[in-house]
């Protein structure tokens, strides 16, 4: 099935929309890295741009977690490298939050 031909206006609008989504996603991940928002707050943003982020990228955006540690965590939690946040199950989210929520 061929994709429909887009007019220049429609294509320009799509490019603007995609740029806005990338910017919002980057801002959220930067806030997570800076400690301005918690992992719980990010995961509770259902239906937002966060859902399309790979879990590995989300983990790498957390303070003190790099590529190696993120890979180890995915392995420990039995989460696929290709899993996106919106595809996480309830138990997977719960285990992630248990791991990164400070004990009260």
N, C-alpha and C. Protein backbone atom coordinates (compact mmCIF):
# COMPACT_ATOMS: atom_id res chain seq x y z
N UNK A 1 0.85 -1.18 0.00
CA UNK A 1 0.00 0.00 0.00
C UNK A 1 0.89 1.24 0.00
N UNK A 2 0.68 2.09 -0.93
CA UNK A 2 1.48 3.30 -1.07
C UNK A 2 1.01 4.37 -0.09
N UNK A 3 1.96 5.13 0.38
CA UNK A 3 1.64 6.24 1.26
C UNK A 3 1.01 7.37 0.46
N UNK A 4 0.07 8.08 1.07
CA UNK A 4 -0.54 9.19 0.33
C UNK A 4 0.47 10.31 0.13
N UNK A 5 0.34 10.99 -0.98
CA UNK A 5 1.21 12.13 -1.27
C UNK A 5 0.79 13.29 -0.38
N UNK A 6 1.77 13.91 0.26
CA UNK A 6 1.49 15.02 1.16
C UNK A 6 1.81 16.34 0.46
N UNK A 7 0.98 17.30 0.74
CA UNK A 7 1.27 18.63 0.22
C UNK A 7 2.39 19.23 1.05
N UNK A 8 2.98 20.28 0.53
CA UNK A 8 4.08 20.94 1.24
C UNK A 8 3.60 21.48 2.59
N UNK A 9 2.37 21.98 2.63
CA UNK A 9 1.82 22.52 3.89
C UNK A 9 1.64 21.43 4.93
N UNK A 10 1.07 20.31 4.52
CA UNK A 10 0.83 19.20 5.44
C UNK A 10 2.16 18.65 5.95
N UNK A 11 3.13 18.51 5.05
CA UNK A 11 4.45 18.01 5.45
C UNK A 11 5.11 18.97 6.43
N UNK A 12 5.03 20.27 6.18
CA UNK A 12 5.62 21.26 7.08
C UNK A 12 4.97 21.21 8.46
N UNK A 13 3.65 21.04 8.48
CA UNK A 13 2.93 20.94 9.76
C UNK A 13 3.36 19.68 10.52
N UNK A 14 3.54 18.58 9.82
CA UNK A 14 3.97 17.33 10.45
C UNK A 14 5.38 17.47 11.02
N UNK A 15 6.24 18.16 10.30
CA UNK A 15 7.60 18.38 10.78
C UNK A 15 7.59 19.23 12.05
N UNK A 16 6.75 20.27 12.08
CA UNK A 16 6.64 21.13 13.27
C UNK A 16 6.12 20.34 14.46
N UNK A 17 5.11 19.51 14.21
CA UNK A 17 4.53 18.70 15.29
C UNK A 17 5.55 17.71 15.84
N UNK A 18 6.30 17.05 14.96
CA UNK A 18 7.32 16.09 15.39
C UNK A 18 8.42 16.79 16.20
N UNK A 19 8.81 17.97 15.80
CA UNK A 19 9.84 18.73 16.52
C UNK A 19 9.34 19.11 17.92
N UNK A 20 8.08 19.49 18.01
CA UNK A 20 7.51 19.86 19.30
C UNK A 20 7.47 18.64 20.25
N UNK A 21 7.13 17.48 19.71
CA UNK A 21 7.08 16.26 20.52
C UNK A 21 8.49 15.90 21.01
N UNK A 22 9.47 15.95 20.10
CA UNK A 22 10.86 15.65 20.50
C UNK A 22 11.35 16.62 21.57
N UNK A 23 10.99 17.88 21.43
CA UNK A 23 11.41 18.89 22.41
C UNK A 23 10.79 18.59 23.78
N UNK A 24 9.49 18.28 23.79
CA UNK A 24 8.81 17.98 25.06
C UNK A 24 9.41 16.73 25.71
N UNK A 25 9.65 15.71 24.89
CA UNK A 25 10.24 14.47 25.41
C UNK A 25 11.61 14.74 26.00
N UNK A 26 12.42 15.53 25.30
CA UNK A 26 13.75 15.88 25.79
C UNK A 26 13.71 16.66 27.09
N UNK A 27 12.74 17.56 27.21
CA UNK A 27 12.61 18.35 28.44
C UNK A 27 12.25 17.46 29.62
N UNK A 28 11.35 16.51 29.39
CA UNK A 28 10.95 15.60 30.47
C UNK A 28 12.13 14.75 30.92
N UNK A 29 12.89 14.22 29.96
CA UNK A 29 14.04 13.39 30.31
C UNK A 29 15.13 14.22 30.99
N UNK A 30 15.28 15.47 30.59
CA UNK A 30 16.26 16.36 31.25
C UNK A 30 15.84 16.66 32.69
N UNK A 31 14.54 16.85 32.90
CA UNK A 31 14.04 17.08 34.27
C UNK A 31 14.29 15.85 35.13
N UNK A 32 14.12 14.67 34.56
CA UNK A 32 14.38 13.43 35.30
C UNK A 32 15.87 13.35 35.65
N UNK A 33 16.72 13.66 34.71
CA UNK A 33 18.17 13.63 34.92
C UNK A 33 18.59 14.61 36.01
N UNK A 34 17.95 15.79 36.03
CA UNK A 34 18.29 16.82 37.01
C UNK A 34 17.64 16.59 38.37
N UNK A 35 16.77 15.60 38.47
CA UNK A 35 16.11 15.31 39.74
C UNK A 35 14.92 16.21 40.01
N UNK A 36 14.44 16.92 38.99
CA UNK A 36 13.30 17.83 39.18
C UNK A 36 11.98 17.07 39.20
N UNK A 37 11.95 15.91 38.56
CA UNK A 37 10.77 15.04 38.61
C UNK A 37 11.25 13.63 38.95
N UNK A 38 10.37 12.86 39.56
CA UNK A 38 10.72 11.49 39.93
C UNK A 38 10.30 10.53 38.83
N UNK A 39 10.82 9.33 38.91
CA UNK A 39 10.43 8.30 37.95
C UNK A 39 8.94 8.03 38.04
N UNK A 40 8.41 8.05 39.24
CA UNK A 40 6.97 7.82 39.44
C UNK A 40 6.15 8.87 38.69
N UNK A 41 6.55 10.13 38.80
CA UNK A 41 5.84 11.20 38.10
C UNK A 41 5.89 11.02 36.59
N UNK A 42 7.03 10.58 36.09
CA UNK A 42 7.17 10.38 34.65
C UNK A 42 6.30 9.21 34.19
N UNK A 43 6.32 8.11 34.94
CA UNK A 43 5.53 6.94 34.56
C UNK A 43 4.03 7.19 34.68
N UNK A 44 3.63 8.12 35.53
CA UNK A 44 2.21 8.43 35.69
C UNK A 44 1.67 9.29 34.56
N UNK A 45 2.54 9.80 33.72
CA UNK A 45 2.12 10.64 32.59
C UNK A 45 1.66 9.75 31.43
N UNK A 46 0.67 8.95 31.68
CA UNK A 46 0.13 8.05 30.65
C UNK A 46 -0.42 8.88 29.48
N UNK A 47 -0.25 8.35 28.30
CA UNK A 47 -0.81 9.00 27.13
C UNK A 47 -0.04 10.23 26.66
N UNK A 48 1.11 10.47 27.24
CA UNK A 48 1.91 11.61 26.81
C UNK A 48 3.05 11.12 25.93
N UNK A 49 3.92 12.02 25.59
CA UNK A 49 5.05 11.69 24.74
C UNK A 49 6.01 10.70 25.40
N UNK A 50 5.92 10.53 26.70
CA UNK A 50 6.80 9.63 27.42
C UNK A 50 6.56 8.17 27.01
N UNK A 51 5.35 7.85 26.62
CA UNK A 51 5.01 6.48 26.26
C UNK A 51 5.83 5.93 25.12
N UNK A 52 6.30 6.78 24.24
CA UNK A 52 7.07 6.33 23.08
C UNK A 52 8.57 6.18 23.37
N UNK A 53 8.99 6.53 24.57
CA UNK A 53 10.41 6.44 24.93
C UNK A 53 10.76 4.99 25.26
N UNK A 54 11.91 4.54 24.79
CA UNK A 54 12.39 3.22 25.18
C UNK A 54 12.73 3.24 26.67
N UNK A 55 12.43 2.14 27.35
CA UNK A 55 12.69 2.05 28.79
C UNK A 55 14.18 2.25 29.06
N UNK A 56 15.01 1.71 28.18
CA UNK A 56 16.46 1.87 28.37
C UNK A 56 16.84 3.36 28.37
N UNK A 57 16.29 4.12 27.45
CA UNK A 57 16.60 5.56 27.40
C UNK A 57 16.09 6.26 28.65
N UNK A 58 14.94 5.84 29.13
CA UNK A 58 14.38 6.42 30.36
C UNK A 58 15.33 6.16 31.53
N UNK A 59 15.82 4.91 31.65
CA UNK A 59 16.74 4.58 32.73
C UNK A 59 18.05 5.36 32.60
N UNK A 60 18.55 5.49 31.38
CA UNK A 60 19.80 6.23 31.17
C UNK A 60 19.64 7.71 31.50
N UNK A 61 18.42 8.19 31.52
CA UNK A 61 18.16 9.59 31.85
C UNK A 61 18.11 9.83 33.35
N UNK A 62 18.19 8.77 34.11
CA UNK A 62 18.15 8.93 35.57
C UNK A 62 19.55 9.23 36.09
N UNK A 63 19.64 10.02 37.15
CA UNK A 63 20.95 10.37 37.70
C UNK A 63 21.73 9.13 38.13
N UNK A 64 22.98 9.05 37.72
CA UNK A 64 23.85 7.96 38.16
C UNK A 64 23.70 6.66 37.39
N UNK A 65 22.88 6.64 36.35
CA UNK A 65 22.70 5.41 35.58
C UNK A 65 23.18 5.65 34.16
N UNK A 66 24.12 4.84 33.76
CA UNK A 66 24.65 4.93 32.41
C UNK A 66 24.17 3.76 31.56
N UNK A 67 24.81 3.58 30.44
CA UNK A 67 24.41 2.53 29.50
C UNK A 67 24.56 1.14 30.09
N UNK A 68 25.66 0.89 30.77
CA UNK A 68 25.92 -0.45 31.32
C UNK A 68 24.92 -0.77 32.42
N UNK A 69 24.73 0.13 33.36
CA UNK A 69 23.80 -0.11 34.46
C UNK A 69 22.37 -0.24 33.94
N UNK A 70 22.00 0.56 32.95
CA UNK A 70 20.66 0.46 32.37
C UNK A 70 20.44 -0.92 31.76
N UNK A 71 21.45 -1.43 31.07
CA UNK A 71 21.34 -2.78 30.48
C UNK A 71 21.22 -3.84 31.57
N UNK A 72 21.97 -3.68 32.66
CA UNK A 72 21.88 -4.63 33.78
C UNK A 72 20.49 -4.60 34.39
N UNK A 73 19.94 -3.41 34.57
CA UNK A 73 18.60 -3.28 35.17
C UNK A 73 17.54 -3.92 34.29
N UNK A 74 17.63 -3.69 32.99
CA UNK A 74 16.67 -4.30 32.07
C UNK A 74 16.74 -5.82 32.16
N UNK A 75 17.94 -6.34 32.27
CA UNK A 75 18.12 -7.79 32.38
C UNK A 75 17.54 -8.30 33.70
N UNK A 76 17.85 -7.62 34.81
CA UNK A 76 17.34 -8.02 36.13
C UNK A 76 15.82 -7.98 36.18
N UNK A 77 15.23 -6.96 35.57
CA UNK A 77 13.78 -6.78 35.61
C UNK A 77 13.07 -7.54 34.49
N UNK A 78 13.86 -8.23 33.66
CA UNK A 78 13.32 -9.01 32.55
C UNK A 78 12.46 -8.14 31.62
N UNK A 79 13.04 -7.00 31.25
CA UNK A 79 12.39 -6.08 30.32
C UNK A 79 13.22 -6.08 29.03
N UNK A 80 12.56 -6.24 27.92
CA UNK A 80 13.22 -6.29 26.63
C UNK A 80 13.88 -4.96 26.29
N UNK A 81 15.00 -5.03 25.58
CA UNK A 81 15.70 -3.82 25.12
C UNK A 81 14.81 -2.96 24.24
N UNK A 82 13.88 -3.61 23.54
CA UNK A 82 13.03 -2.87 22.59
C UNK A 82 11.72 -2.40 23.21
N UNK A 83 11.54 -2.59 24.50
CA UNK A 83 10.29 -2.21 25.18
C UNK A 83 10.22 -0.71 25.36
N UNK A 84 9.08 -0.16 25.05
CA UNK A 84 8.82 1.26 25.27
C UNK A 84 8.03 1.41 26.57
N UNK A 85 8.02 2.60 27.12
CA UNK A 85 7.34 2.84 28.39
C UNK A 85 5.87 2.47 28.31
N UNK A 86 5.21 2.79 27.21
CA UNK A 86 3.78 2.49 27.10
C UNK A 86 3.51 0.99 27.06
N UNK A 87 4.52 0.18 26.76
CA UNK A 87 4.35 -1.26 26.69
C UNK A 87 4.68 -1.98 27.97
N UNK A 88 5.04 -1.26 29.02
CA UNK A 88 5.36 -1.89 30.30
C UNK A 88 4.09 -2.42 30.95
N UNK A 89 4.21 -3.59 31.53
CA UNK A 89 3.09 -4.15 32.27
C UNK A 89 3.02 -3.54 33.66
N UNK A 90 1.93 -3.80 34.35
CA UNK A 90 1.74 -3.25 35.70
C UNK A 90 2.83 -3.72 36.65
N UNK A 91 3.18 -5.00 36.59
CA UNK A 91 4.21 -5.54 37.48
C UNK A 91 5.58 -4.97 37.16
N UNK A 92 5.85 -4.77 35.87
CA UNK A 92 7.15 -4.21 35.49
C UNK A 92 7.27 -2.78 36.01
N UNK A 93 6.22 -2.00 35.88
CA UNK A 93 6.23 -0.63 36.42
C UNK A 93 6.41 -0.65 37.93
N UNK A 94 5.70 -1.55 38.58
CA UNK A 94 5.77 -1.67 40.04
C UNK A 94 7.19 -2.00 40.47
N UNK A 95 7.84 -2.93 39.79
CA UNK A 95 9.20 -3.32 40.14
C UNK A 95 10.18 -2.18 39.89
N UNK A 96 9.98 -1.44 38.81
CA UNK A 96 10.82 -0.27 38.53
C UNK A 96 10.69 0.76 39.64
N UNK A 97 9.45 1.03 40.04
CA UNK A 97 9.22 2.03 41.08
C UNK A 97 9.77 1.58 42.42
N UNK A 98 9.66 0.29 42.73
CA UNK A 98 10.22 -0.23 43.98
C UNK A 98 11.73 -0.02 44.00
N UNK A 99 12.35 -0.20 42.86
CA UNK A 99 13.79 -0.07 42.75
C UNK A 99 14.27 1.37 42.92
N UNK A 100 13.46 2.32 42.44
CA UNK A 100 13.90 3.71 42.43
C UNK A 100 13.14 4.64 43.37
N UNK A 101 12.30 4.07 44.23
CA UNK A 101 11.59 4.90 45.20
C UNK A 101 12.31 4.78 46.53
N UNK A 102 12.73 5.90 47.11
CA UNK A 102 13.42 5.84 48.38
C UNK A 102 12.50 5.29 49.49
N UNK A 103 13.08 4.50 50.36
CA UNK A 103 12.31 3.93 51.47
C UNK A 103 11.91 5.03 52.44
N UNK A 104 10.68 4.98 52.90
CA UNK A 104 10.19 6.03 53.80
C UNK A 104 10.48 5.71 55.24
